[in-house]
N, C-alpha and C. Protein backbone atom coordinates (compact mmCIF):
# COMPACT_ATOMS: atom_id res chain seq x y z
N MET A 1 0.82 -1.20 0.00
CA MET A 1 0.00 0.00 0.00
C MET A 1 0.86 1.26 0.00
N HIS A 2 2.14 1.11 -0.23
CA HIS A 2 2.99 2.30 -0.23
C HIS A 2 2.78 3.16 -1.46
N ASP A 3 2.05 2.67 -2.46
CA ASP A 3 1.77 3.46 -3.66
C ASP A 3 0.55 4.36 -3.50
N PHE A 4 -0.20 4.18 -2.43
CA PHE A 4 -1.40 4.94 -2.19
C PHE A 4 -1.22 5.78 -0.93
N TYR A 5 -1.82 6.95 -0.91
CA TYR A 5 -1.75 7.77 0.28
C TYR A 5 -2.94 8.72 0.33
N PHE A 6 -3.28 9.18 1.54
CA PHE A 6 -4.37 10.11 1.74
C PHE A 6 -3.82 11.53 1.71
N THR A 7 -4.67 12.45 1.27
CA THR A 7 -4.30 13.86 1.36
C THR A 7 -5.42 14.60 2.08
N GLY A 8 -5.11 15.19 3.19
CA GLY A 8 -6.07 16.00 3.91
C GLY A 8 -7.19 15.19 4.54
N ASP A 9 -8.31 15.87 4.78
CA ASP A 9 -9.45 15.25 5.46
C ASP A 9 -10.54 14.79 4.51
N ASP A 10 -10.29 14.81 3.21
CA ASP A 10 -11.35 14.44 2.27
C ASP A 10 -11.35 12.95 1.96
N TYR A 11 -10.42 12.19 2.52
CA TYR A 11 -10.35 10.74 2.37
C TYR A 11 -10.29 10.28 0.92
N ARG A 12 -9.60 10.99 0.11
CA ARG A 12 -9.38 10.57 -1.28
C ARG A 12 -8.06 9.85 -1.37
N TYR A 13 -8.06 8.81 -2.18
CA TYR A 13 -6.81 8.10 -2.44
C TYR A 13 -6.03 8.83 -3.51
N ARG A 14 -4.74 8.88 -3.33
CA ARG A 14 -3.84 9.41 -4.35
C ARG A 14 -2.90 8.29 -4.72
N PHE A 15 -2.47 8.25 -5.96
CA PHE A 15 -1.58 7.22 -6.44
C PHE A 15 -0.23 7.83 -6.78
N GLU A 16 0.81 7.11 -6.42
CA GLU A 16 2.15 7.54 -6.79
C GLU A 16 2.30 7.47 -8.30
N LEU A 17 3.15 8.27 -8.86
CA LEU A 17 3.37 8.31 -10.30
C LEU A 17 3.85 6.96 -10.83
N ASP A 18 4.72 6.30 -10.08
CA ASP A 18 5.23 5.00 -10.50
C ASP A 18 4.12 3.95 -10.56
N ALA A 19 3.19 4.01 -9.62
CA ALA A 19 2.05 3.08 -9.62
C ALA A 19 1.16 3.33 -10.83
N LYS A 20 0.96 4.58 -11.19
CA LYS A 20 0.17 4.90 -12.38
C LYS A 20 0.84 4.37 -13.64
N ARG A 21 2.14 4.53 -13.71
CA ARG A 21 2.87 4.05 -14.89
C ARG A 21 2.80 2.52 -15.00
N ARG A 22 2.95 1.82 -13.88
CA ARG A 22 2.84 0.35 -13.90
C ARG A 22 1.45 -0.09 -14.33
N PHE A 23 0.42 0.59 -13.83
CA PHE A 23 -0.95 0.24 -14.20
C PHE A 23 -1.17 0.46 -15.68
N ILE A 24 -0.72 1.56 -16.21
CA ILE A 24 -0.89 1.84 -17.65
C ILE A 24 -0.14 0.82 -18.48
N GLN A 25 1.04 0.41 -18.03
CA GLN A 25 1.82 -0.60 -18.77
C GLN A 25 1.09 -1.94 -18.78
N VAL A 26 0.55 -2.34 -17.65
CA VAL A 26 -0.21 -3.60 -17.59
C VAL A 26 -1.45 -3.50 -18.47
N LEU A 27 -2.12 -2.36 -18.44
CA LEU A 27 -3.30 -2.15 -19.27
C LEU A 27 -2.95 -2.24 -20.75
N ARG A 28 -1.84 -1.65 -21.14
CA ARG A 28 -1.40 -1.72 -22.54
C ARG A 28 -1.09 -3.15 -22.96
N GLU A 29 -0.42 -3.90 -22.09
CA GLU A 29 -0.09 -5.28 -22.42
C GLU A 29 -1.35 -6.12 -22.59
N ARG A 30 -2.31 -5.96 -21.70
CA ARG A 30 -3.56 -6.72 -21.79
C ARG A 30 -4.38 -6.29 -23.00
N PHE A 31 -4.41 -4.99 -23.22
CA PHE A 31 -5.23 -4.45 -24.30
C PHE A 31 -4.67 -4.81 -25.66
N ASN A 32 -3.39 -5.02 -25.76
CA ASN A 32 -2.77 -5.31 -27.04
C ASN A 32 -2.46 -6.79 -27.22
N SER A 33 -3.29 -7.64 -26.65
CA SER A 33 -3.12 -9.06 -26.92
C SER A 33 -3.63 -9.34 -28.33
N GLY A 34 -3.10 -10.38 -28.94
CA GLY A 34 -3.47 -10.70 -30.31
C GLY A 34 -4.83 -11.35 -30.41
N VAL A 35 -5.53 -11.08 -31.52
CA VAL A 35 -6.84 -11.66 -31.78
C VAL A 35 -6.95 -11.93 -33.28
N ALA A 36 -7.59 -13.04 -33.64
CA ALA A 36 -7.77 -13.38 -35.05
C ALA A 36 -8.90 -12.52 -35.63
N TYR A 37 -8.58 -11.81 -36.70
CA TYR A 37 -9.55 -10.93 -37.34
C TYR A 37 -9.27 -10.92 -38.84
N LYS A 38 -10.27 -11.32 -39.62
CA LYS A 38 -10.18 -11.37 -41.08
C LYS A 38 -8.97 -12.20 -41.55
N GLY A 39 -8.76 -13.33 -40.91
CA GLY A 39 -7.70 -14.24 -41.32
C GLY A 39 -6.32 -13.85 -40.87
N ARG A 40 -6.20 -12.79 -40.10
CA ARG A 40 -4.89 -12.35 -39.60
C ARG A 40 -4.96 -12.20 -38.09
N VAL A 41 -3.80 -12.19 -37.46
CA VAL A 41 -3.74 -11.92 -36.02
C VAL A 41 -3.36 -10.46 -35.86
N MET A 42 -4.26 -9.70 -35.23
CA MET A 42 -4.05 -8.27 -35.04
C MET A 42 -4.12 -7.94 -33.55
N LYS A 43 -3.58 -6.81 -33.20
CA LYS A 43 -3.69 -6.30 -31.85
C LYS A 43 -5.05 -5.62 -31.69
N TRP A 44 -5.54 -5.57 -30.44
CA TRP A 44 -6.86 -5.01 -30.22
C TRP A 44 -6.95 -3.55 -30.65
N ASP A 45 -5.90 -2.77 -30.48
CA ASP A 45 -5.99 -1.36 -30.89
C ASP A 45 -6.18 -1.25 -32.41
N THR A 46 -5.56 -2.14 -33.17
CA THR A 46 -5.74 -2.14 -34.62
C THR A 46 -7.16 -2.58 -34.99
N VAL A 47 -7.69 -3.57 -34.28
CA VAL A 47 -9.05 -4.03 -34.55
C VAL A 47 -10.05 -2.91 -34.24
N ILE A 48 -9.85 -2.20 -33.15
CA ILE A 48 -10.74 -1.10 -32.80
C ILE A 48 -10.67 -0.01 -33.86
N GLU A 49 -9.47 0.26 -34.36
CA GLU A 49 -9.34 1.23 -35.44
C GLU A 49 -10.09 0.78 -36.69
N GLN A 50 -9.97 -0.50 -37.04
CA GLN A 50 -10.67 -1.04 -38.20
C GLN A 50 -12.19 -0.94 -38.01
N LYS A 51 -12.67 -1.29 -36.82
CA LYS A 51 -14.10 -1.22 -36.54
C LYS A 51 -14.60 0.21 -36.56
N THR A 52 -13.80 1.16 -36.12
CA THR A 52 -14.17 2.57 -36.18
C THR A 52 -14.30 3.02 -37.63
N ASN A 53 -13.37 2.58 -38.46
CA ASN A 53 -13.46 2.90 -39.88
C ASN A 53 -14.72 2.29 -40.51
N GLU A 54 -15.04 1.03 -40.13
CA GLU A 54 -16.25 0.39 -40.64
C GLU A 54 -17.49 1.17 -40.20
N LEU A 55 -17.51 1.62 -38.95
CA LEU A 55 -18.64 2.40 -38.45
C LEU A 55 -18.77 3.71 -39.23
N GLY A 56 -17.65 4.36 -39.49
CA GLY A 56 -17.68 5.60 -40.28
C GLY A 56 -18.22 5.36 -41.68
N ARG A 57 -17.78 4.27 -42.32
CA ARG A 57 -18.28 3.96 -43.67
C ARG A 57 -19.77 3.63 -43.64
N PHE A 58 -20.23 2.96 -42.57
CA PHE A 58 -21.64 2.63 -42.44
C PHE A 58 -22.48 3.90 -42.23
N LEU A 59 -22.00 4.82 -41.38
CA LEU A 59 -22.75 6.04 -41.10
C LEU A 59 -22.82 6.98 -42.30
N THR A 60 -21.79 6.98 -43.14
CA THR A 60 -21.80 7.81 -44.35
C THR A 60 -22.42 7.08 -45.53
N ARG A 61 -22.98 5.89 -45.27
CA ARG A 61 -23.67 5.06 -46.26
C ARG A 61 -22.75 4.59 -47.39
N LYS A 62 -21.49 4.47 -47.11
CA LYS A 62 -20.56 3.90 -48.09
C LYS A 62 -20.50 2.39 -47.97
N SER A 63 -20.99 1.87 -46.85
CA SER A 63 -21.04 0.43 -46.63
C SER A 63 -22.46 0.05 -46.21
N PRO A 64 -23.01 -1.03 -46.80
CA PRO A 64 -24.40 -1.38 -46.48
C PRO A 64 -24.59 -2.11 -45.15
N SER A 65 -23.52 -2.69 -44.58
CA SER A 65 -23.69 -3.47 -43.35
C SER A 65 -22.62 -3.11 -42.33
N LEU A 66 -22.91 -3.51 -41.10
CA LEU A 66 -22.00 -3.26 -39.99
C LEU A 66 -21.99 -4.50 -39.11
N ASP A 67 -20.81 -5.00 -38.76
CA ASP A 67 -20.69 -6.22 -37.97
C ASP A 67 -19.78 -5.97 -36.78
N PHE A 68 -20.39 -5.94 -35.58
CA PHE A 68 -19.60 -5.78 -34.37
C PHE A 68 -19.35 -7.11 -33.68
N MET A 69 -19.80 -8.19 -34.27
CA MET A 69 -19.65 -9.50 -33.64
C MET A 69 -18.26 -10.09 -33.85
N GLU A 70 -17.58 -9.71 -34.90
CA GLU A 70 -16.25 -10.25 -35.16
C GLU A 70 -15.22 -9.22 -34.78
N PRO A 71 -14.18 -9.53 -34.10
CA PRO A 71 -13.78 -10.80 -33.54
C PRO A 71 -14.38 -11.01 -32.16
N THR A 72 -14.52 -12.25 -31.79
CA THR A 72 -15.01 -12.56 -30.44
C THR A 72 -13.82 -12.97 -29.59
N GLN A 73 -13.82 -12.49 -28.39
CA GLN A 73 -12.75 -12.82 -27.45
C GLN A 73 -13.03 -14.19 -26.84
N GLN A 74 -12.06 -15.05 -26.84
CA GLN A 74 -12.19 -16.37 -26.24
C GLN A 74 -11.65 -16.32 -24.82
N LEU A 75 -12.53 -16.45 -23.86
CA LEU A 75 -12.13 -16.47 -22.46
C LEU A 75 -12.29 -17.88 -21.94
N GLU A 76 -11.19 -18.52 -21.64
CA GLU A 76 -11.22 -19.89 -21.16
C GLU A 76 -10.68 -19.95 -19.74
N ARG A 77 -11.45 -20.57 -18.89
CA ARG A 77 -10.99 -20.74 -17.51
C ARG A 77 -10.19 -22.02 -17.41
N GLN A 78 -9.16 -21.96 -16.62
CA GLN A 78 -8.32 -23.13 -16.42
C GLN A 78 -8.88 -24.01 -15.31
N ASP A 79 -9.64 -23.43 -14.41
CA ASP A 79 -10.14 -24.16 -13.24
C ASP A 79 -11.60 -24.58 -13.46
N THR A 80 -11.78 -25.65 -14.18
CA THR A 80 -13.12 -26.14 -14.46
C THR A 80 -13.70 -26.83 -13.23
N ARG A 81 -14.99 -27.08 -13.27
CA ARG A 81 -15.65 -27.77 -12.15
C ARG A 81 -15.10 -29.18 -11.97
N GLU A 82 -14.81 -29.83 -13.11
CA GLU A 82 -14.27 -31.19 -13.03
C GLU A 82 -12.91 -31.20 -12.35
N LEU A 83 -12.07 -30.22 -12.69
CA LEU A 83 -10.75 -30.14 -12.08
C LEU A 83 -10.87 -29.86 -10.58
N ARG A 84 -11.79 -28.97 -10.21
CA ARG A 84 -12.00 -28.67 -8.79
C ARG A 84 -12.43 -29.94 -8.04
N ALA A 85 -13.38 -30.66 -8.63
CA ALA A 85 -13.87 -31.88 -7.98
C ALA A 85 -12.76 -32.92 -7.87
N LYS A 86 -11.94 -33.03 -8.91
CA LYS A 86 -10.84 -34.00 -8.89
C LYS A 86 -9.81 -33.64 -7.81
N ILE A 87 -9.52 -32.35 -7.66
CA ILE A 87 -8.57 -31.91 -6.64
C ILE A 87 -9.12 -32.19 -5.25
N LEU A 88 -10.39 -31.89 -5.04
CA LEU A 88 -10.99 -32.08 -3.71
C LEU A 88 -11.12 -33.56 -3.35
N ALA A 89 -11.26 -34.42 -4.37
CA ALA A 89 -11.40 -35.86 -4.11
C ALA A 89 -10.05 -36.57 -4.05
N LEU A 90 -8.97 -35.89 -4.37
CA LEU A 90 -7.65 -36.49 -4.44
C LEU A 90 -7.11 -36.76 -3.03
N SER A 91 -6.72 -37.99 -2.78
CA SER A 91 -6.15 -38.33 -1.48
C SER A 91 -4.65 -38.05 -1.48
N GLN A 92 -4.07 -38.00 -0.27
CA GLN A 92 -2.65 -37.73 -0.15
C GLN A 92 -1.82 -38.83 -0.79
N SER A 93 -2.22 -40.08 -0.63
CA SER A 93 -1.45 -41.19 -1.19
C SER A 93 -1.50 -41.17 -2.72
N LYS A 94 -2.68 -40.88 -3.28
CA LYS A 94 -2.79 -40.81 -4.74
C LYS A 94 -1.98 -39.62 -5.28
N ALA A 95 -2.02 -38.50 -4.57
CA ALA A 95 -1.24 -37.33 -4.98
C ALA A 95 0.25 -37.65 -4.95
N HIS A 96 0.67 -38.41 -3.94
CA HIS A 96 2.08 -38.81 -3.85
C HIS A 96 2.46 -39.69 -5.05
N LYS A 97 1.57 -40.60 -5.44
CA LYS A 97 1.83 -41.45 -6.60
C LYS A 97 1.91 -40.64 -7.89
N LEU A 98 1.13 -39.56 -7.95
CA LEU A 98 1.16 -38.68 -9.13
C LEU A 98 2.37 -37.77 -9.14
N GLY A 99 3.05 -37.66 -8.00
CA GLY A 99 4.22 -36.78 -7.91
C GLY A 99 3.88 -35.38 -7.45
N ILE A 100 2.77 -35.23 -6.75
CA ILE A 100 2.35 -33.93 -6.23
C ILE A 100 2.65 -33.91 -4.73
N GLY A 101 3.38 -32.91 -4.31
CA GLY A 101 3.80 -32.81 -2.92
C GLY A 101 2.67 -32.40 -1.99
N LYS A 102 2.94 -32.53 -0.68
CA LYS A 102 1.95 -32.21 0.34
C LYS A 102 1.52 -30.74 0.29
N SER A 103 2.50 -29.87 0.22
CA SER A 103 2.17 -28.44 0.24
C SER A 103 1.42 -28.03 -1.03
N THR A 104 1.81 -28.60 -2.16
CA THR A 104 1.11 -28.29 -3.40
C THR A 104 -0.34 -28.76 -3.32
N LEU A 105 -0.56 -29.97 -2.81
CA LEU A 105 -1.92 -30.48 -2.65
C LEU A 105 -2.71 -29.62 -1.68
N HIS A 106 -2.07 -29.18 -0.61
CA HIS A 106 -2.74 -28.32 0.38
C HIS A 106 -3.25 -27.04 -0.28
N TYR A 107 -2.38 -26.36 -1.03
CA TYR A 107 -2.78 -25.11 -1.67
C TYR A 107 -3.79 -25.34 -2.79
N LEU A 108 -3.66 -26.45 -3.51
CA LEU A 108 -4.65 -26.78 -4.53
C LEU A 108 -6.03 -26.99 -3.90
N ARG A 109 -6.08 -27.70 -2.79
CA ARG A 109 -7.35 -27.93 -2.10
C ARG A 109 -7.94 -26.62 -1.60
N ASN A 110 -7.11 -25.77 -1.01
CA ASN A 110 -7.60 -24.48 -0.53
C ASN A 110 -8.19 -23.66 -1.67
N ASN A 111 -7.49 -23.62 -2.80
CA ASN A 111 -7.97 -22.84 -3.95
C ASN A 111 -9.21 -23.47 -4.56
N ALA A 112 -9.25 -24.79 -4.63
CA ALA A 112 -10.40 -25.46 -5.24
C ALA A 112 -11.65 -25.33 -4.37
N ALA A 113 -11.50 -25.14 -3.08
CA ALA A 113 -12.64 -25.03 -2.18
C ALA A 113 -13.32 -23.66 -2.29
N THR A 114 -12.65 -22.66 -2.83
CA THR A 114 -13.24 -21.33 -2.96
C THR A 114 -13.96 -21.21 -4.30
N ASP A 115 -14.70 -20.13 -4.46
CA ASP A 115 -15.39 -19.86 -5.72
C ASP A 115 -14.55 -19.00 -6.65
N TYR A 116 -13.39 -18.59 -6.21
CA TYR A 116 -12.56 -17.70 -7.00
C TYR A 116 -11.75 -18.48 -8.03
N PRO A 117 -11.45 -17.87 -9.17
CA PRO A 117 -10.61 -18.56 -10.16
C PRO A 117 -9.19 -18.71 -9.64
N PHE A 118 -8.56 -19.79 -10.04
CA PHE A 118 -7.17 -20.02 -9.65
C PHE A 118 -6.43 -20.66 -10.81
N LYS A 119 -5.11 -20.62 -10.72
CA LYS A 119 -4.27 -21.16 -11.78
C LYS A 119 -3.57 -22.42 -11.29
N VAL A 120 -3.51 -23.39 -12.16
CA VAL A 120 -2.76 -24.61 -11.89
C VAL A 120 -1.57 -24.61 -12.85
N TYR A 121 -0.38 -24.72 -12.31
CA TYR A 121 0.80 -24.72 -13.16
C TYR A 121 0.79 -25.92 -14.11
N ASN A 122 1.44 -25.76 -15.25
CA ASN A 122 1.41 -26.78 -16.29
C ASN A 122 1.88 -28.14 -15.80
N LYS A 123 2.98 -28.18 -15.06
CA LYS A 123 3.51 -29.46 -14.58
C LYS A 123 2.51 -30.17 -13.67
N VAL A 124 1.90 -29.42 -12.77
CA VAL A 124 0.92 -30.00 -11.86
C VAL A 124 -0.34 -30.38 -12.62
N GLY A 125 -0.77 -29.55 -13.57
CA GLY A 125 -1.95 -29.86 -14.36
C GLY A 125 -1.79 -31.13 -15.17
N MET A 126 -0.59 -31.34 -15.71
CA MET A 126 -0.33 -32.57 -16.46
C MET A 126 -0.37 -33.78 -15.54
N LYS A 127 0.12 -33.63 -14.32
CA LYS A 127 0.07 -34.73 -13.35
C LYS A 127 -1.36 -35.04 -12.95
N LEU A 128 -2.19 -34.00 -12.84
CA LEU A 128 -3.58 -34.22 -12.45
C LEU A 128 -4.39 -34.90 -13.56
N THR A 129 -4.03 -34.67 -14.80
CA THR A 129 -4.81 -35.23 -15.91
C THR A 129 -4.44 -36.67 -16.22
N ARG A 130 -3.25 -37.10 -15.83
CA ARG A 130 -2.89 -38.49 -16.10
C ARG A 130 -3.41 -39.39 -14.97
N ASP A 131 -3.67 -40.63 -15.29
CA ASP A 131 -4.19 -41.59 -14.31
C ASP A 131 -3.09 -42.51 -13.83
N VAL A 132 -3.21 -42.90 -12.54
CA VAL A 132 -2.24 -43.84 -11.97
C VAL A 132 -2.91 -45.18 -11.77
C-alpha cells in the first residue's frame, strides 16, 4: 500500500506516479493481446481502429452493413468444475503417486474449495490429468 496515500481530510486516495505508470503498462499489455480478425492476427488497438473505420463507412452510407460481432474474445478458464472436484477428491497417497507434494496439494485444495478462479501450473496440471 505504499503506492497509495491520503491527502487531507477528504479521504481521497492518491496514487504515486510509478504506480500509475505500472498500471498503464499492464493495461497496454492486456489491451494489445493478439486476436484473429479477417484471417490475420491483429492487436486489439488495430481491430478497434478497423471497426471505427467500418462504423464511419456505415454512417456515411458507403457500406451497407455493420458487424460488431467479429472478432469474439475467447475467455477460457483453467479451473473447471471437473478439475476442482478432482482436486478435492484427491487423497494424499494418490497425490504422492502422481508426484504432487503435500504443500502443493494443500494449496490446490484451498484454492479449489473457494469460488474464486485459480491457476494450476502446467507441470501440476499434467500430473492431475494423467491416471495412476
